[in-house]
Amino acid sequence: MTDFLEEGLRLTADALQLRPDVVRSSRLGIDPALRAQAGVIAIVQALGGQRYINAPGGRSLYSRDAFQQAGIDLRFLVPYAGRFPHILPALLGNGLADLRDDIRKTCQLAK
């Protein structure tokens, strides 16, 4: 299942001409028993990160203090309010460049 999800992510990124670095957490050597917030903090630390950016719906999942104590700046994206209410029809249509530009234009960090 993980291979399927990773391939879907890569196909979507390629279609939108985005070039993310995809790294499986299982390859980072962190304790697999760590879950939720503790797991995310361990992943960011394993990658040498200083900031973690999450979708806006995750605000209730994470403690800014816990991230701060770990030396990580916790940030959230603003809710997407672009032209495309659903990504799948846009991906299947002919407007991939429009979708990519819309994502780049509207993807912002919350203040």
Protein backbone atom coordinates (compact mmCIF):
# COMPACT_ATOMS: atom_id res chain seq x y z
CA MET A 1 0.00 0.00 0.00
CA THR A 2 2.83 2.40 0.82
CA ASP A 3 4.37 1.86 -2.62
CA PHE A 4 1.02 2.66 -4.23
CA LEU A 5 0.61 5.89 -2.24
CA GLU A 6 4.18 6.99 -2.93
CA GLU A 7 3.76 6.36 -6.65
CA GLY A 8 0.51 8.36 -6.66
CA LEU A 9 2.29 11.24 -4.96
CA ARG A 10 5.13 11.10 -7.49
CA LEU A 11 2.72 10.96 -10.46
CA THR A 12 0.78 13.96 -9.16
CA ALA A 13 3.97 15.94 -8.51
CA ASP A 14 5.31 15.08 -11.97
CA ALA A 15 2.04 16.10 -13.64
CA LEU A 16 2.25 19.45 -11.87
CA GLN A 17 5.98 19.78 -12.58
CA LEU A 18 6.76 19.92 -8.88
CA ARG A 19 9.95 18.29 -7.63
CA PRO A 20 9.54 17.29 -3.98
CA ASP A 21 12.10 15.15 -2.18
CA VAL A 22 10.13 12.11 -1.06
CA VAL A 23 11.70 10.26 1.86
CA ARG A 24 10.06 7.43 3.73
CA SER A 25 10.29 7.83 7.49
CA SER A 26 11.05 4.11 7.78
CA ARG A 27 14.43 4.82 6.15
CA LEU A 28 15.45 7.44 8.71
CA GLY A 29 16.37 5.08 11.54
CA ILE A 30 13.94 6.54 14.05
CA ASP A 31 12.06 4.49 16.62
CA PRO A 32 9.02 3.02 14.81
CA ALA A 33 7.07 3.13 18.09
CA LEU A 34 7.05 6.96 17.93
CA ARG A 35 3.71 8.15 16.66
CA ALA A 36 1.80 11.37 16.12
CA GLN A 37 3.56 14.50 17.38
CA ALA A 38 6.59 12.64 18.79
CA GLY A 39 7.05 10.87 15.46
CA VAL A 40 6.84 14.09 13.47
CA ILE A 41 9.38 15.79 15.73
CA ALA A 42 11.75 12.81 15.38
CA ILE A 43 11.40 12.90 11.58
CA VAL A 44 12.14 16.63 11.39
CA GLN A 45 15.17 16.17 13.65
CA ALA A 46 16.44 13.18 11.64
CA LEU A 47 16.29 15.32 8.49
CA GLY A 48 18.05 18.23 10.20
CA GLY A 49 14.99 20.43 9.80
CA GLN A 50 14.26 23.59 11.72
CA ARG A 51 10.64 24.09 10.60
CA TYR A 52 7.60 21.84 10.19
CA ILE A 53 4.74 23.04 8.00
CA ASN A 54 1.40 21.28 8.29
CA ALA A 55 -1.99 21.60 6.64
CA PRO A 56 -4.39 23.98 8.43
CA GLY A 57 -6.55 21.16 9.78
CA GLY A 58 -3.72 19.88 11.97
CA ARG A 59 -3.75 22.71 14.49
CA SER A 60 -5.40 20.56 17.15
CA LEU A 61 -2.90 17.74 16.67
CA TYR A 62 0.30 19.54 17.61
CA SER A 63 1.62 21.60 20.50
CA ARG A 64 3.65 24.63 19.47
CA ASP A 65 5.47 24.39 22.83
CA ALA A 66 6.57 20.79 22.20
CA PHE A 67 7.99 21.72 18.81
CA GLN A 68 9.64 24.81 20.24
CA GLN A 69 11.29 22.75 23.00
CA ALA A 70 12.70 20.51 20.25
CA GLY A 71 14.07 23.58 18.43
CA ILE A 72 11.51 23.35 15.61
CA ASP A 73 9.34 26.16 14.30
CA LEU A 74 5.79 24.81 13.84
CA ARG A 75 3.82 26.55 11.10
CA PHE A 76 0.53 25.95 9.29
CA LEU A 77 -0.66 26.67 5.77
CA VAL A 78 -3.66 28.89 5.28
CA PRO A 79 -6.73 27.02 4.01
CA TYR A 80 -6.65 26.62 0.25
CA ALA A 81 -9.03 29.06 -1.43
CA GLY A 82 -7.89 28.75 -5.02
CA ARG A 83 -9.81 28.20 -8.23
CA PHE A 84 -9.98 24.41 -8.00
CA PRO A 85 -12.24 23.06 -5.22
CA HIS A 86 -11.23 19.47 -6.08
CA ILE A 87 -7.81 18.44 -7.38
CA LEU A 88 -8.73 15.20 -9.19
CA PRO A 89 -10.91 16.76 -11.93
CA ALA A 90 -8.26 19.41 -12.45
CA LEU A 91 -5.54 16.75 -12.73
CA LEU A 92 -7.58 14.83 -15.29
CA GLY A 93 -8.40 17.94 -17.30
CA ASN A 94 -6.21 19.95 -19.60
CA GLY A 95 -5.39 22.73 -17.14
CA LEU A 96 -2.35 21.27 -15.34
CA ALA A 97 -0.33 24.45 -15.77
CA ASP A 98 -3.24 26.49 -14.38
CA LEU A 99 -3.58 24.13 -11.41
CA ARG A 100 0.17 24.23 -10.70
CA ASP A 101 0.23 28.02 -10.89
CA ASP A 102 -2.85 28.28 -8.66
CA ILE A 103 -1.28 26.02 -6.01
CA ARG A 104 1.95 28.01 -6.05
CA LYS A 105 0.09 31.31 -5.89
CA THR A 106 -2.30 30.40 -3.09
CA CYS A 107 -0.06 28.23 -0.90
CA GLN A 108 0.84 30.51 1.99
CA LEU A 109 1.84 30.15 5.61
CA ALA A 110 -0.57 31.34 8.26
CA LYS A 111 0.60 34.31 10.26
